Amino acid sequence: MADAISLTGLRVRGFHGVFPEERRDGQDFVVDVVLTVDVRAAAASDDLALTVHYGELAERLAEVVEGEPVDLLETLATRLAEVCLAPDLVTAVEVTVHKPSAPIARAFTDVSVTVRRP
């Protein structure tokens, strides 16, 4: 069993999508991440430097969503996973990107893509 740090429901405005109006008007994206991290050293020492600072992580994730537009949620989720894996402490990540206002003609609650990376 592995330790985990989760950040869920990070809502950020972005301009991703394949349609011109998505790129022009933007919409909110919601990001959930689960990081696999061994937190034993941080817990034993009570030292923030030995774990993932989730406030800083949230800012880095938001910068990606607010940054360069992409067509696909798959691309955005992969970029976010790369950010999560940057600290050496993180051994794996699961990233889910939700697009609750996706341009779908039918009633729906959510569309999301989840990627898992070691």
PDB file of N, CA and C in Angstrom:
ATOM      1  N   MET A   1       0.839  -1.177   0.000  1.00  0.00           N
ATOM      2  CA  MET A   1       0.000   0.000   0.000  1.00  0.00           C
ATOM      3  C   MET A   1       0.888   1.245   0.000  1.00  0.00           C
ATOM      4  N   ALA A   2       0.554   2.216  -0.842  1.00  0.00           N
ATOM      5  CA  ALA A   2       1.359   3.424  -0.980  1.00  0.00           C
ATOM      6  C   ALA A   2       0.644   4.613  -0.363  1.00  0.00           C
ATOM      7  N   ASP A   3       1.436   5.585   0.062  1.00  0.00           N
ATOM      8  CA  ASP A   3       0.884   6.841   0.559  1.00  0.00           C
ATOM      9  C   ASP A   3       0.434   7.687  -0.621  1.00  0.00           C
ATOM     10  N   ALA A   4      -0.516   8.579  -0.360  1.00  0.00           N
ATOM     11  CA  ALA A   4      -1.035   9.421  -1.439  1.00  0.00           C
ATOM     12  C   ALA A   4      -1.341  10.820  -0.928  1.00  0.00           C
ATOM     13  N   ILE A   5      -1.128  11.779  -1.792  1.00  0.00           N
ATOM     14  CA  ILE A   5      -1.562  13.158  -1.570  1.00  0.00           C
ATOM     15  C   ILE A   5      -2.526  13.484  -2.691  1.00  0.00           C
ATOM     16  N   SER A   6      -3.710  13.961  -2.328  1.00  0.00           N
ATOM     17  CA  SER A   6      -4.739  14.272  -3.325  1.00  0.00           C
ATOM     18  C   SER A   6      -5.054  15.758  -3.320  1.00  0.00           C
ATOM     19  N   LEU A   7      -5.286  16.280  -4.496  1.00  0.00           N
ATOM     20  CA  LEU A   7      -5.794  17.635  -4.684  1.00  0.00           C
ATOM     21  C   LEU A   7      -6.973  17.496  -5.633  1.00  0.00           C
ATOM     22  N   THR A   8      -8.167  17.814  -5.164  1.00  0.00           N
ATOM     23  CA  THR A   8      -9.351  17.609  -5.996  1.00  0.00           C
ATOM     24  C   THR A   8     -10.145  18.903  -6.145  1.00  0.00           C
ATOM     25  N   GLY A   9     -10.769  19.016  -7.306  1.00  0.00           N
ATOM     26  CA  GLY A   9     -11.671  20.130  -7.548  1.00  0.00           C
ATOM     27  C   GLY A   9     -10.991  21.446  -7.859  1.00  0.00           C
ATOM     28  N   LEU A  10      -9.755  21.422  -8.355  1.00  0.00           N
ATOM     29  CA  LEU A  10      -9.068  22.661  -8.732  1.00  0.00           C
ATOM     30  C   LEU A  10      -9.731  23.210  -9.991  1.00  0.00           C
ATOM     31  N   ARG A  11     -10.436  24.308  -9.854  1.00  0.00           N
ATOM     32  CA  ARG A  11     -11.197  24.901 -10.966  1.00  0.00           C
ATOM     33  C   ARG A  11     -10.391  26.054 -11.561  1.00  0.00           C
ATOM     34  N   VAL A  12     -10.107  25.939 -12.865  1.00  0.00           N
ATOM     35  CA  VAL A  12      -9.281  26.931 -13.543  1.00  0.00           C
ATOM     36  C   VAL A  12      -9.878  27.218 -14.921  1.00  0.00           C
ATOM     37  N   ARG A  13      -9.890  28.477 -15.306  1.00  0.00           N
ATOM     38  CA  ARG A  13     -10.384  28.866 -16.631  1.00  0.00           C
ATOM     39  C   ARG A  13      -9.282  28.636 -17.661  1.00  0.00           C
ATOM     40  N   GLY A  14      -9.667  27.975 -18.753  1.00  0.00           N
ATOM     41  CA  GLY A  14      -8.723  27.711 -19.836  1.00  0.00           C
ATOM     42  C   GLY A  14      -9.411  27.875 -21.178  1.00  0.00           C
ATOM     43  N   PHE A  15      -8.629  27.793 -22.230  1.00  0.00           N
ATOM     44  CA  PHE A  15      -9.116  28.025 -23.590  1.00  0.00           C
ATOM     45  C   PHE A  15      -8.814  26.830 -24.487  1.00  0.00           C
ATOM     46  N   HIS A  16      -9.084  25.656 -23.975  1.00  0.00           N
ATOM     47  CA  HIS A  16      -8.782  24.409 -24.671  1.00  0.00           C
ATOM     48  C   HIS A  16     -10.016  23.888 -25.395  1.00  0.00           C
ATOM     49  N   GLY A  17      -9.784  23.213 -26.505  1.00  0.00           N
ATOM     50  CA  GLY A  17     -10.871  22.606 -27.249  1.00  0.00           C
ATOM     51  C   GLY A  17     -10.625  22.704 -28.744  1.00  0.00           C
ATOM     52  N   VAL A  18     -11.404  21.964 -29.491  1.00  0.00           N
ATOM     53  CA  VAL A  18     -11.223  21.933 -30.942  1.00  0.00           C
ATOM     54  C   VAL A  18     -12.068  22.976 -31.671  1.00  0.00           C
ATOM     55  N   PHE A  19     -13.045  23.554 -30.986  1.00  0.00           N
ATOM     56  CA  PHE A  19     -13.930  24.509 -31.643  1.00  0.00           C
ATOM     57  C   PHE A  19     -13.470  25.943 -31.409  1.00  0.00           C
ATOM     58  N   PRO A  20     -13.626  26.800 -32.416  1.00  0.00           N
ATOM     59  CA  PRO A  20     -13.169  28.198 -32.294  1.00  0.00           C
ATOM     60  C   PRO A  20     -13.760  28.930 -31.095  1.00  0.00           C
ATOM     61  N   GLU A  21     -15.033  28.676 -30.782  1.00  0.00           N
ATOM     62  CA  GLU A  21     -15.652  29.370 -29.654  1.00  0.00           C
ATOM     63  C   GLU A  21     -15.035  28.949 -28.317  1.00  0.00           C
ATOM     64  N   GLU A  22     -14.533  27.718 -28.235  1.00  0.00           N
ATOM     65  CA  GLU A  22     -13.863  27.281 -27.011  1.00  0.00           C
ATOM     66  C   GLU A  22     -12.553  28.030 -26.834  1.00  0.00           C
ATOM     67  N   ARG A  23     -11.858  28.226 -27.922  1.00  0.00           N
ATOM     68  CA  ARG A  23     -10.588  28.953 -27.886  1.00  0.00           C
ATOM     69  C   ARG A  23     -10.821  30.442 -27.634  1.00  0.00           C
ATOM     70  N   ARG A  24     -11.917  30.956 -28.138  1.00  0.00           N
ATOM     71  CA  ARG A  24     -12.226  32.389 -28.000  1.00  0.00           C
ATOM     72  C   ARG A  24     -12.787  32.712 -26.609  1.00  0.00           C
ATOM     73  N   ASP A  25     -13.792  31.938 -26.173  1.00  0.00           N
ATOM     74  CA  ASP A  25     -14.530  32.264 -24.958  1.00  0.00           C
ATOM     75  C   ASP A  25     -13.970  31.600 -23.701  1.00  0.00           C
ATOM     76  N   GLY A  26     -13.334  30.457 -23.866  1.00  0.00           N
ATOM     77  CA  GLY A  26     -12.816  29.724 -22.717  1.00  0.00           C
ATOM     78  C   GLY A  26     -13.920  29.087 -21.898  1.00  0.00           C
ATOM     79  N   GLN A  27     -13.519  28.313 -20.910  1.00  0.00           N
ATOM     80  CA  GLN A  27     -14.455  27.656 -19.999  1.00  0.00           C
ATOM     81  C   GLN A  27     -13.671  27.141 -18.807  1.00  0.00           C
ATOM     82  N   ASP A  28     -14.396  26.756 -17.781  1.00  0.00           N
ATOM     83  CA  ASP A  28     -13.747  26.213 -16.594  1.00  0.00           C
ATOM     84  C   ASP A  28     -13.413  24.738 -16.795  1.00  0.00           C
ATOM     85  N   PHE A  29     -12.246  24.369 -16.317  1.00  0.00           N
ATOM     86  CA  PHE A  29     -11.801  22.985 -16.255  1.00  0.00           C
ATOM     87  C   PHE A  29     -11.586  22.667 -14.784  1.00  0.00           C
ATOM     88  N   VAL A  30     -11.851  21.437 -14.407  1.00  0.00           N
ATOM     89  CA  VAL A  30     -11.672  21.010 -13.023  1.00  0.00           C
ATOM     90  C   VAL A  30     -10.645  19.879 -13.027  1.00  0.00           C
ATOM     91  N   VAL A  31      -9.642  20.017 -12.169  1.00  0.00           N
ATOM     92  CA  VAL A  31      -8.523  19.074 -12.139  1.00  0.00           C
ATOM     93  C   VAL A  31      -8.485  18.363 -10.790  1.00  0.00           C
ATOM     94  N   ASP A  32      -8.349  17.047 -10.860  1.00  0.00           N
ATOM     95  CA  ASP A  32      -8.127  16.204  -9.677  1.00  0.00           C
ATOM     96  C   ASP A  32      -6.805  15.470  -9.883  1.00  0.00           C
ATOM     97  N   VAL A  33      -5.964  15.472  -8.863  1.00  0.00           N
ATOM     98  CA  VAL A  33      -4.718  14.711  -8.943  1.00  0.00           C
ATOM     99  C   VAL A  33      -4.545  13.877  -7.683  1.00  0.00           C
ATOM    100  N   VAL A  34      -3.982  12.693  -7.867  1.00  0.00           N
ATOM    101  CA  VAL A  34      -3.587  11.833  -6.751  1.00  0.00           C
ATOM    102  C   VAL A  34      -2.125  11.477  -6.988  1.00  0.00           C
ATOM    103  N   LEU A  35      -1.286  11.909  -6.056  1.00  0.00           N
ATOM    104  CA  LEU A  35       0.150  11.661  -6.155  1.00  0.00           C
ATOM    105  C   LEU A  35       0.524  10.495  -5.250  1.00  0.00           C
ATOM    106  N   THR A  36       1.318   9.590  -5.750  1.00  0.00           N
ATOM    107  CA  THR A  36       1.876   8.538  -4.914  1.00  0.00           C
ATOM    108  C   THR A  36       3.204   9.057  -4.376  1.00  0.00           C
ATOM    109  N   VAL A  37       3.259   9.201  -3.066  1.00  0.00           N
ATOM    110  CA  VAL A  37       4.419   9.799  -2.395  1.00  0.00           C
ATOM    111  C   VAL A  37       4.638   9.065  -1.077  1.00  0.00           C
ATOM    112  N   ASP A  38       5.865   8.709  -0.799  1.00  0.00           N
ATOM    113  CA  ASP A  38       6.181   8.138   0.502  1.00  0.00           C
ATOM    114  C   ASP A  38       6.312   9.299   1.486  1.00  0.00           C
ATOM    115  N   VAL A  39       5.368   9.415   2.399  1.00  0.00           N
ATOM    116  CA  VAL A  39       5.346  10.563   3.317  1.00  0.00           C
ATOM    117  C   VAL A  39       5.985  10.250   4.674  1.00  0.00           C
ATOM    118  N   ARG A  40       6.599   9.102   4.827  1.00  0.00           N
ATOM    119  CA  ARG A  40       7.141   8.724   6.139  1.00  0.00           C
ATOM    120  C   ARG A  40       8.198   9.697   6.659  1.00  0.00           C
ATOM    121  N   ALA A  41       9.120  10.114   5.807  1.00  0.00           N
ATOM    122  CA  ALA A  41      10.177  11.035   6.257  1.00  0.00           C
ATOM    123  C   ALA A  41       9.588  12.376   6.665  1.00  0.00           C
ATOM    124  N   ALA A  42       8.633  12.880   5.887  1.00  0.00           N
ATOM    125  CA  ALA A  42       7.998  14.158   6.228  1.00  0.00           C
ATOM    126  C   ALA A  42       7.229  14.037   7.534  1.00  0.00           C
ATOM    127  N   ALA A  43       6.515  12.937   7.702  1.00  0.00           N
ATOM    128  CA  ALA A  43       5.734  12.747   8.921  1.00  0.00           C
ATOM    129  C   ALA A  43       6.636  12.639  10.149  1.00  0.00           C
ATOM    130  N   ALA A  44       7.752  11.941  10.013  1.00  0.00           N
ATOM    131  CA  ALA A  44       8.655  11.746  11.148  1.00  0.00           C
ATOM    132  C   ALA A  44       9.335  13.048  11.554  1.00  0.00           C
ATOM    133  N   SER A  45       9.646  13.893  10.573  1.00  0.00           N
ATOM    134  CA  SER A  45      10.385  15.124  10.860  1.00  0.00           C
ATOM    135  C   SER A  45       9.496  16.361  10.929  1.00  0.00           C
ATOM    136  N   ASP A  46       8.246  16.232  10.459  1.00  0.00           N
ATOM    137  CA  ASP A  46       7.317  17.362  10.383  1.00  0.00           C
ATOM    138  C   ASP A  46       7.897  18.475   9.513  1.00  0.00           C
ATOM    139  N   ASP A  47       8.569  18.079   8.417  1.00  0.00           N
ATOM    140  CA  ASP A  47       9.293  19.009   7.552  1.00  0.00           C
ATOM    141  C   ASP A  47       8.634  19.073   6.177  1.00  0.00           C
ATOM    142  N   LEU A  48       8.118  20.234   5.821  1.00  0.00           N
ATOM    143  CA  LEU A  48       7.459  20.441   4.532  1.00  0.00           C
ATOM    144  C   LEU A  48       8.387  20.156   3.353  1.00  0.00           C
ATOM    145  N   ALA A  49       9.677  20.378   3.532  1.00  0.00           N
ATOM    146  CA  ALA A  49      10.636  20.154   2.442  1.00  0.00           C
ATOM    147  C   ALA A  49      10.731  18.684   2.040  1.00  0.00           C
ATOM    148  N   LEU A  50      10.203  17.789   2.862  1.00  0.00           N
ATOM    149  CA  LEU A  50      10.295  16.355   2.581  1.00  0.00           C
ATOM    150  C   LEU A  50       9.013  15.778   1.994  1.00  0.00           C
ATOM    151  N   THR A  51       8.125  16.657   1.564  1.00  0.00           N
ATOM    152  CA  THR A  51       6.883  16.216   0.947  1.00  0.00           C
ATOM    153  C   THR A  51       6.518  17.170  -0.176  1.00  0.00           C
ATOM    154  N   VAL A  52       5.343  17.011  -0.732  1.00  0.00           N
ATOM    155  CA  VAL A  52       4.880  17.874  -1.818  1.00  0.00           C
ATOM    156  C   VAL A  52       4.073  19.021  -1.228  1.00  0.00           C
ATOM    157  N   HIS A  53       4.450  20.224  -1.580  1.00  0.00           N
ATOM    158  CA  HIS A  53       3.725  21.424  -1.141  1.00  0.00           C
ATOM    159  C   HIS A  53       2.512  21.563  -2.057  1.00  0.00           C
ATOM    160  N   TYR A  54       1.340  21.199  -1.576  1.00  0.00           N
ATOM    161  CA  TYR A  54       0.167  21.152  -2.454  1.00  0.00           C
ATOM    162  C   TYR A  54      -0.301  22.534  -2.886  1.00  0.00           C
ATOM    163  N   GLY A  55       0.025  23.577  -2.128  1.00  0.00           N
ATOM    164  CA  GLY A  55      -0.301  24.942  -2.562  1.00  0.00           C
ATOM    165  C   GLY A  55       0.502  25.333  -3.795  1.00  0.00           C
ATOM    166  N   GLU A  56       1.786  25.010  -3.774  1.00  0.00           N
ATOM    167  CA  GLU A  56       2.636  25.285  -4.941  1.00  0.00           C
ATOM    168  C   GLU A  56       2.233  24.413  -6.123  1.00  0.00           C
ATOM    169  N   LEU A  57       1.876  23.166  -5.845  1.00  0.00           N
ATOM    170  CA  LEU A  57       1.426  22.277  -6.917  1.00  0.00           C
ATOM    171  C   LEU A  57       0.177  22.841  -7.590  1.00  0.00           C
ATOM    172  N   ALA A  58      -0.768  23.319  -6.794  1.00  0.00           N
ATOM    173  CA  ALA A  58      -1.995  23.894  -7.354  1.00  0.00           C
ATOM    174  C   ALA A  58      -1.678  25.065  -8.286  1.00  0.00           C
ATOM    175  N   GLU A  59      -0.728  25.895  -7.908  1.00  0.00           N
ATOM    176  CA  GLU A  59      -0.350  27.032  -8.755  1.00  0.00           C
ATOM    177  C   GLU A  59       0.271  26.563 -10.063  1.00  0.00           C
ATOM    178  N   ARG A  60       1.132  25.566 -10.005  1.00  0.00           N
ATOM    179  CA  ARG A  60       1.769  25.050 -11.236  1.00  0.00           C
ATOM    180  C   ARG A  60       0.740  24.406 -12.155  1.00  0.00           C
ATOM    181  N   LEU A  61      -0.210  23.680 -11.588  1.00  0.00           N
ATOM    182  CA  LEU A  61      -1.262  23.078 -12.398  1.00  0.00           C
ATOM    183  C   LEU A  61      -2.128  24.152 -13.045  1.00  0.00           C
ATOM    184  N   ALA A  62      -2.479  25.167 -12.268  1.00  0.00           N
ATOM    185  CA  ALA A  62      -3.294  26.268 -12.801  1.00  0.00           C
ATOM    186  C   ALA A  62      -2.582  26.968 -13.952  1.00  0.00           C
ATOM    187  N   GLU A  63      -1.281  27.156 -13.843  1.00  0.00           N
ATOM    188  CA  GLU A  63      -0.517  27.787 -14.923  1.00  0.00           C
ATOM    189  C   GLU A  63      -0.619  26.991 -16.219  1.00  0.00           C
ATOM    190  N   VAL A  64      -0.625  25.670 -16.119  1.00  0.00           N
ATOM    191  CA  VAL A  64      -0.751  24.831 -17.316  1.00  0.00           C
ATOM    192  C   VAL A  64      -2.137  25.005 -17.934  1.00  0.00           C
ATOM    193  N   VAL A  65      -3.178  24.949 -17.107  1.00  0.00           N
ATOM    194  CA  VAL A  65      -4.542  25.084 -17.625  1.00  0.00           C
ATOM    195  C   VAL A  65      -4.748  26.475 -18.229  1.00  0.00           C
ATOM    196  N   GLU A  66      -4.209  27.493 -17.593  1.00  0.00           N
ATOM    197  CA  GLU A  66      -4.341  28.863 -18.093  1.00  0.00           C
ATOM    198  C   GLU A  66      -3.417  29.146 -19.274  1.00  0.00           C
ATOM    199  N   GLY A  67      -2.472  28.265 -19.513  1.00  0.00           N
ATOM    200  CA  GLY A  67      -1.435  28.487 -20.512  1.00  0.00           C
ATOM    201  C   GLY A  67      -1.839  28.128 -21.928  1.00  0.00           C
ATOM    202  N   GLU A  68      -0.866  27.652 -22.670  1.00  0.00           N
ATOM    203  CA  GLU A  68      -1.030  27.359 -24.102  1.00  0.00           C
ATOM    204  C   GLU A  68      -2.212  26.431 -24.355  1.00  0.00           C
ATOM    205  N   PRO A  69      -3.163  26.870 -25.187  1.00  0.00           N
ATOM    206  CA  PRO A  69      -4.324  26.027 -25.488  1.00  0.00           C
ATOM    207  C   PRO A  69      -3.946  24.767 -26.259  1.00  0.00           C
ATOM    208  N   VAL A  70      -4.690  23.702 -25.987  1.00  0.00           N
ATOM    209  CA  VAL A  70      -4.551  22.442 -26.719  1.00  0.00           C
ATOM    210  C   VAL A  70      -5.936  22.005 -27.165  1.00  0.00           C
ATOM    211  N   ASP A  71      -5.984  21.119 -28.130  1.00  0.00           N
ATOM    212  CA  ASP A  71      -7.264  20.625 -28.637  1.00  0.00           C
ATOM    213  C   ASP A  71      -7.902  19.610 -27.690  1.00  0.00           C
ATOM    214  N   LEU A  72      -7.095  18.699 -27.165  1.00  0.00           N
ATOM    215  CA  LEU A  72      -7.630  17.525 -26.485  1.00  0.00           C
ATOM    216  C   LEU A  72      -7.420  17.537 -24.974  1.00  0.00           C
ATOM    217  N   LEU A  73      -8.410  17.035 -24.254  1.00  0.00           N
ATOM    218  CA  LEU A  73      -8.248  16.828 -22.819  1.00  0.00           C
ATOM    219  C   LEU A  73      -7.105  15.853 -22.541  1.00  0.00           C
ATOM    220  N   GLU A  74      -6.906  14.900 -23.418  1.00  0.00           N
ATOM    221  CA  GLU A  74      -5.824  13.932 -23.263  1.00  0.00           C
ATOM    222  C   GLU A  74      -4.464  14.629 -23.208  1.00  0.00           C
ATOM    223  N   THR A  75      -4.292  15.634 -24.072  1.00  0.00           N
ATOM    224  CA  THR A  75      -3.041  16.394 -24.090  1.00  0.00           C
ATOM    225  C   THR A  75      -2.893  17.204 -22.817  1.00  0.00           C
ATOM    226  N   LEU A  76      -3.952  17.870 -22.406  1.00  0.00           N
ATOM    227  CA  LEU A  76      -3.915  18.678 -21.189  1.00  0.00           C
ATOM    228  C   LEU A  76      -3.621  17.805 -19.975  1.00  0.00           C
ATOM    229  N   ALA A  77      -4.290  16.679 -19.860  1.00  0.00           N
ATOM    230  CA  ALA A  77      -4.065  15.778 -18.723  1.00  0.00           C
ATOM    231  C   ALA A  77      -2.625  15.278 -18.683  1.00  0.00           C
ATOM    232  N   THR A  78      -2.060  14.979 -19.843  1.00  0.00           N
ATOM    233  CA  THR A  78      -0.676  14.509 -19.904  1.00  0.00           C
ATOM    234  C   THR A  78       0.281  15.605 -19.454  1.00  0.00           C
ATOM    235  N   ARG A  79       0.043  16.828 -19.881  1.00  0.00           N
ATOM    236  CA  ARG A  79       0.896  17.951 -19.443  1.00  0.00           C
ATOM    237  C   ARG A  79       0.813  18.142 -17.934  1.00  0.00           C
ATOM    238  N   LEU A  80      -0.374  18.008 -17.393  1.00  0.00           N
ATOM    239  CA  LEU A  80      -0.540  18.151 -15.951  1.00  0.00           C
ATOM    240  C   LEU A  80       0.169  17.018 -15.206  1.00  0.00           C
ATOM    241  N   ALA A  81       0.120  15.819 -15.748  1.00  0.00           N
ATOM    242  CA  ALA A  81       0.814  14.687 -15.129  1.00  0.00           C
ATOM    243  C   ALA A  81       2.315  14.928 -15.089  1.00  0.00           C
ATOM    244  N   GLU A  82       2.851  15.507 -16.145  1.00  0.00           N
ATOM    245  CA  GLU A  82       4.289  15.806 -16.190  1.00  0.00           C
ATOM    246  C   GLU A  82       4.673  16.793 -15.091  1.00  0.00           C
ATOM    247  N   VAL A  83       3.827  17.775 -14.832  1.00  0.00           N
ATOM    248  CA  VAL A  83       4.075  18.724 -13.745  1.00  0.00           C
ATOM    249  C   VAL A  83       4.078  17.999 -12.404  1.00  0.00           C
ATOM    250  N   CYS A  84       3.134  17.112 -12.215  1.00  0.00           N
ATOM    251  CA  CYS A  84       3.024  16.381 -10.950  1.00  0.00           C
ATOM    252  C   CYS A  84       4.221  15.482 -10.693  1.00  0.00           C
ATOM    253  N   LEU A  85       4.792  14.941 -11.741  1.00  0.00           N
ATOM    254  CA  LEU A  85       5.916  14.018 -11.591  1.00  0.00           C
ATOM    255  C   LEU A  85       7.255  14.723 -11.434  1.00  0.00           C
ATOM    256  N   ALA A  86       7.279  16.046 -11.609  1.00  0.00           N
ATOM    257  CA  ALA A  86       8.536  16.787 -11.542  1.00  0.00           C
ATOM    258  C   ALA A  86       9.240  16.653 -10.198  1.00  0.00           C
ATOM    259  N   PRO A  87       8.570  16.758  -9.054  1.00  0.00           N
ATOM    260  CA  PRO A  87       9.304  16.536  -7.796  1.00  0.00           C
ATOM    261  C   PRO A  87       9.768  15.082  -7.710  1.00  0.00           C
ATOM    262  N   ASP A  88      11.001  14.881  -7.296  1.00  0.00           N
ATOM    263  CA  ASP A  88      11.553  13.522  -7.204  1.00  0.00           C
ATOM    264  C   ASP A  88      10.791  12.645  -6.229  1.00  0.00           C
ATOM    265  N   LEU A  89      10.061  13.243  -5.324  1.00  0.00           N
ATOM    266  CA  LEU A  89       9.334  12.477  -4.316  1.00  0.00           C
ATOM    267  C   LEU A  89       8.144  11.720  -4.881  1.00  0.00           C
ATOM    268  N   VAL A  90       7.606  12.180  -6.007  1.00  0.00           N
ATOM    269  CA  VAL A  90       6.394  11.597  -6.586  1.00  0.00           C
ATOM    270  C   VAL A  90       6.788  10.404  -7.457  1.00  0.00           C
ATOM    271  N   THR A  91       6.237   9.236  -7.138  1.00  0.00           N
ATOM    272  CA  THR A  91       6.581   8.037  -7.900  1.00  0.00           C
ATOM    273  C   THR A  91       5.520   7.671  -8.936  1.00  0.00           C
ATOM    274  N   ALA A  92       4.308   8.181  -8.760  1.00  0.00           N
ATOM    275  CA  ALA A  92       3.236   7.936  -9.725  1.00  0.00           C
ATOM    276  C   ALA A  92       2.169   9.000  -9.525  1.00  0.00           C
ATOM    277  N   VAL A  93       1.340   9.170 -10.564  1.00  0.00           N
ATOM    278  CA  VAL A  93       0.279  10.174 -10.484  1.00  0.00           C
ATOM    279  C   VAL A  93      -0.929   9.708 -11.275  1.00  0.00           C
ATOM    280  N   GLU A  94      -2.081  10.100 -10.799  1.00  0.00           N
ATOM    281  CA  GLU A  94      -3.328   9.949 -11.551  1.00  0.00           C
ATOM    282  C   GLU A  94      -3.918  11.348 -11.675  1.00  0.00           C
ATOM    283  N   VAL A  95      -4.165  11.771 -12.906  1.00  0.00           N
ATOM    284  CA  VAL A  95      -4.721  13.094 -13.181  1.00  0.00           C
ATOM    285  C   VAL A  95      -6.040  12.922 -13.917  1.00  0.00           C
ATOM    286  N   THR A  96      -7.081  13.579 -13.414  1.00  0.00           N
ATOM    287  CA  THR A  96      -8.364  13.622 -14.105  1.00  0.00           C
ATOM    288  C   THR A  96      -8.683  15.070 -14.411  1.00  0.00           C
ATOM    289  N   VAL A  97      -8.972  15.334 -15.692  1.00  0.00           N
ATOM    290  CA  VAL A  97      -9.388  16.663 -16.114  1.00  0.00           C
ATOM    291  C   VAL A  97     -10.857  16.578 -16.509  1.00  0.00           C
ATOM    292  N   HIS A  98     -11.665  17.398 -15.854  1.00  0.00           N
ATOM    293  CA  HIS A  98     -13.106  17.459 -16.114  1.00  0.00           C
ATOM    294  C   HIS A  98     -13.398  18.679 -16.987  1.00  0.00           C
ATOM    295  N   LYS A  99     -14.329  18.508 -17.900  1.00  0.00           N
ATOM    296  CA  LYS A  99     -14.777  19.596 -18.767  1.00  0.00           C
ATOM    297  C   LYS A  99     -16.307  19.654 -18.665  1.00  0.00           C
ATOM    298  N   PRO A 100     -16.819  20.238 -17.572  1.00  0.00           N
ATOM    299  CA  PRO A 100     -18.262  20.197 -17.320  1.00  0.00           C
ATOM    300  C   PRO A 100     -19.101  21.017 -18.293  1.00  0.00           C
ATOM    301  N   SER A 101     -18.463  21.909 -19.040  1.00  0.00           N
ATOM    302  CA  SER A 101     -19.207  22.723 -20.013  1.00  0.00           C
ATOM    303  C   SER A 101     -18.828  22.361 -21.445  1.00  0.00           C
ATOM    304  N   ALA A 102     -18.450  21.122 -21.661  1.00  0.00           N
ATOM    305  CA  ALA A 102     -18.065  20.673 -23.003  1.00  0.00           C
ATOM    306  C   ALA A 102     -19.218  20.913 -23.984  1.00  0.00           C
ATOM    307  N   PRO A 103     -18.876  21.223 -25.230  1.00  0.00           N
ATOM    308  CA  PRO A 103     -19.922  21.498 -26.224  1.00  0.00           C
ATOM    309  C   PRO A 103     -20.602  20.217 -26.714  1.00  0.00           C
ATOM    310  N   ILE A 104     -21.525  19.730 -25.896  1.00  0.00           N
ATOM    311  CA  ILE A 104     -22.289  18.523 -26.212  1.00  0.00           C
ATOM    312  C   ILE A 104     -23.754  18.928 -26.278  1.00  0.00           C
ATOM    313  N   ALA A 105     -24.431  18.515 -27.325  1.00  0.00           N
ATOM    314  CA  ALA A 105     -25.813  18.947 -27.558  1.00  0.00           C
ATOM    315  C   ALA A 105     -26.818  18.308 -26.599  1.00  0.00           C
ATOM    316  N   ARG A 106     -26.463  17.257 -25.936  1.00  0.00           N
ATOM    317  CA  ARG A 106     -27.353  16.562 -25.008  1.00  0.00           C
ATOM    318  C   ARG A 106     -27.043  16.963 -23.570  1.00  0.00           C
ATOM    319  N   ALA A 107     -28.029  16.763 -22.681  1.00  0.00           N
ATOM    320  CA  ALA A 107     -27.807  17.017 -21.262  1.00  0.00           C
ATOM    321  C   ALA A 107     -26.796  16.010 -20.722  1.00  0.00           C
ATOM    322  N   PHE A 108     -25.838  16.501 -19.937  1.00  0.00           N
ATOM    323  CA  PHE A 108     -24.830  15.632 -19.333  1.00  0.00           C
ATOM    324  C   PHE A 108     -24.305  16.316 -18.078  1.00  0.00           C
ATOM    325  N   THR A 109     -23.670  15.559 -17.233  1.00  0.00           N
ATOM    326  CA  THR A 109     -23.116  16.101 -16.003  1.00  0.00           C
ATOM    327  C   THR A 109     -21.657  16.480 -16.153  1.00  0.00           C
ATOM    328  N   ASP A 110     -20.884  15.636 -16.816  1.00  0.00           N
ATOM    329  CA  ASP A 110     -19.442  15.864 -16.866  1.00  0.00           C
ATOM    330  C   ASP A 110     -18.829  15.035 -17.990  1.00  0.00           C
ATOM    331  N   VAL A 111     -17.713  15.523 -18.481  1.00  0.00           N
ATOM    332  CA  VAL A 111     -16.837  14.764 -19.367  1.00  0.00           C
ATOM    333  C   VAL A 111     -15.456  14.852 -18.741  1.00  0.00           C
ATOM    334  N   SER A 112     -14.735  13.748 -18.689  1.00  0.00           N
ATOM    335  CA  SER A 112     -13.398  13.794 -18.100  1.00  0.00           C
ATOM    336  C   SER A 112     -12.481  12.795 -18.780  1.00  0.00           C
ATOM    337  N   VAL A 113     -11.214  13.073 -18.653  1.00  0.00           N
ATOM    338  CA  VAL A 113     -10.156  12.159 -19.111  1.00  0.00           C
ATOM    339  C   VAL A 113      -9.231  11.935 -17.930  1.00  0.00           C
ATOM    340  N   THR A 114      -8.866  10.688 -17.697  1.00  0.00           N
ATOM    341  CA  THR A 114      -7.935  10.342 -16.628  1.00  0.00           C
ATOM    342  C   THR A 114      -6.717   9.684 -17.230  1.00  0.00           C
ATOM    343  N   VAL A 115      -5.535  10.158 -16.815  1.00  0.00           N
ATOM    344  CA  VAL A 115      -4.275   9.518 -17.206  1.00  0.00           C
ATOM    345  C   VAL A 115      -3.541   9.092 -15.946  1.00  0.00           C
ATOM    346  N   ARG A 116      -2.846   7.989 -16.063  1.00  0.00           N
ATOM    347  CA  ARG A 116      -2.023   7.477 -14.962  1.00  0.00           C
ATOM    348  C   ARG A 116      -0.610   7.309 -15.483  1.00  0.00           C
ATOM    349  N   ARG A 117       0.338   7.823 -14.709  1.00  0.00           N
ATOM    350  CA  ARG A 117       1.733   7.726 -15.116  1.00  0.00           C
ATOM    351  C   ARG A 117       2.568   7.250 -13.930  1.00  0.00           C
ATOM    352  N   PRO A 118       3.521   6.360 -14.214  1.00  0.00           N
ATOM    353  CA  PRO A 118       4.412   5.901 -13.124  1.00  0.00           C
ATOM    354  C   PRO A 118       5.465   6.960 -12.813  1.00  0.00           C
TER     355      PRO A 118
END
